[in-house]
Amino acid sequence: MAELVAPQTIEDIRELRDRKVRPVLNPFRPVWLVEERLIPEEDSVLFNVVFEDPQYGWLNRRYRYDAFDDVLYHMGERRVSEAEVLSIQRNEPYLNGNLA
């Protein structure tokens, strides 16, 4: 079994988070990262993403990623209005629709 190593930098935490998040969120691309709060003393990051779910419509979903244990926690979600979506779509997506 591979030994877990604590991340060294904030960029390490983000990179580890991105690797863990891609398989979960790729089916919903494009996905926008709308909020991010790094907690370096806990080797974790809280973040919100917005995407369109085919069954439930536009959602703002909250996650916590624990880099030390390499665990992604789903922390809830809420529906997003069309007005909010139009504002969010002015920014570049976090995960673009044309990724392989």
Protein backbone atom coordinates (compact mmCIF):
# COMPACT_ATOMS: atom_id res chain seq x y z
CA MET A 1 0.00 0.00 0.00
CA ALA A 2 1.30 3.47 -0.89
CA GLU A 3 2.23 5.67 2.05
CA LEU A 4 0.32 8.94 2.36
CA VAL A 5 2.52 12.02 2.31
CA ALA A 6 1.32 15.39 3.58
CA PRO A 7 1.13 18.04 0.86
CA GLN A 8 3.86 20.66 1.03
CA THR A 9 2.18 23.69 -0.54
CA ILE A 10 -1.22 25.15 -1.32
CA GLU A 11 -0.61 24.25 -4.95
CA ASP A 12 -0.05 20.62 -3.87
CA ILE A 13 -3.45 20.64 -2.15
CA ARG A 14 -5.12 22.07 -5.25
CA GLU A 15 -3.41 19.55 -7.55
CA LEU A 16 -4.42 16.62 -5.35
CA ARG A 17 -7.98 17.99 -5.15
CA ASP A 18 -8.18 18.36 -8.92
CA ARG A 19 -7.10 14.74 -9.44
CA LYS A 20 -9.76 13.52 -7.03
CA VAL A 21 -12.53 15.77 -8.39
CA ARG A 22 -12.16 15.11 -12.14
CA PRO A 23 -13.70 11.62 -12.19
CA VAL A 24 -16.62 12.85 -10.07
CA LEU A 25 -17.39 16.02 -12.03
CA ASN A 26 -16.29 15.19 -15.60
CA PRO A 27 -19.78 13.89 -16.55
CA PHE A 28 -21.20 17.35 -15.75
CA ARG A 29 -18.73 19.49 -17.76
CA PRO A 30 -18.55 22.39 -18.07
CA VAL A 31 -18.13 23.00 -14.33
CA TRP A 32 -17.39 26.38 -12.73
CA LEU A 33 -15.44 26.81 -9.49
CA VAL A 34 -17.32 29.60 -7.74
CA GLU A 35 -15.83 29.59 -4.24
CA GLU A 36 -12.66 28.21 -2.68
CA ARG A 37 -11.33 28.46 0.85
CA LEU A 38 -8.00 26.84 1.60
CA ILE A 39 -7.34 25.61 5.13
CA PRO A 40 -3.57 24.98 5.08
CA GLU A 41 -3.31 24.01 8.74
CA GLU A 42 -5.69 21.11 8.01
CA ASP A 43 -4.29 20.31 4.53
CA SER A 44 -7.78 20.82 3.13
CA VAL A 45 -9.89 23.03 0.93
CA LEU A 46 -13.60 23.88 0.94
CA PHE A 47 -15.00 24.73 -2.47
CA ASN A 48 -18.21 25.16 -4.43
CA VAL A 49 -18.80 24.24 -8.05
CA VAL A 50 -21.73 25.03 -10.34
CA PHE A 51 -22.87 22.75 -13.16
CA GLU A 52 -25.99 21.52 -14.90
CA ASP A 53 -27.26 18.13 -13.79
CA PRO A 54 -29.48 16.52 -16.46
CA GLN A 55 -32.00 15.40 -13.84
CA TYR A 56 -31.99 18.27 -11.31
CA GLY A 57 -30.96 21.32 -13.36
CA TRP A 58 -28.34 23.84 -12.31
CA LEU A 59 -26.69 23.05 -8.98
CA ASN A 60 -24.20 24.71 -6.66
CA ARG A 61 -22.47 21.81 -4.92
CA ARG A 62 -20.12 22.16 -1.92
CA TYR A 63 -17.17 19.86 -1.29
CA ARG A 64 -14.38 19.52 1.22
CA TYR A 65 -11.17 17.89 0.08
CA ASP A 66 -8.81 16.49 2.74
CA ALA A 67 -5.42 16.28 1.06
CA PHE A 68 -3.70 14.43 3.89
CA ASP A 69 -6.13 11.49 3.67
CA ASP A 70 -6.97 12.05 -0.04
CA VAL A 71 -10.73 12.08 0.65
CA LEU A 72 -13.39 14.16 -1.10
CA TYR A 73 -16.49 14.93 1.00
CA HIS A 74 -19.79 16.03 -0.54
CA MET A 75 -21.13 18.76 1.78
CA GLY A 76 -24.50 19.48 0.17
CA GLU A 77 -25.98 21.33 -2.76
CA ARG A 78 -28.61 23.84 -3.73
CA ARG A 79 -30.34 24.73 -6.98
CA VAL A 80 -29.12 27.78 -8.88
CA SER A 81 -31.35 30.30 -10.66
CA GLU A 82 -30.94 31.07 -14.36
CA ALA A 83 -29.84 34.62 -13.45
CA GLU A 84 -27.03 33.22 -11.26
CA VAL A 85 -26.01 30.82 -14.02
CA LEU A 86 -25.74 33.62 -16.60
CA SER A 87 -23.47 35.56 -14.24
CA ILE A 88 -21.29 32.51 -13.51
CA GLN A 89 -20.96 31.59 -17.19
CA ARG A 90 -19.12 34.86 -17.88
CA ASN A 91 -16.07 33.22 -16.28
CA GLU A 92 -13.87 30.44 -17.59
CA PRO A 93 -14.97 26.97 -16.46
CA TYR A 94 -12.92 25.02 -13.92
CA LEU A 95 -13.52 21.87 -15.97
CA ASN A 96 -14.20 22.64 -19.59
CA GLY A 97 -16.61 20.75 -21.81
CA ASN A 98 -13.94 19.79 -24.31
CA LEU A 99 -11.58 17.88 -21.98
CA ALA A 100 -10.66 14.36 -22.94
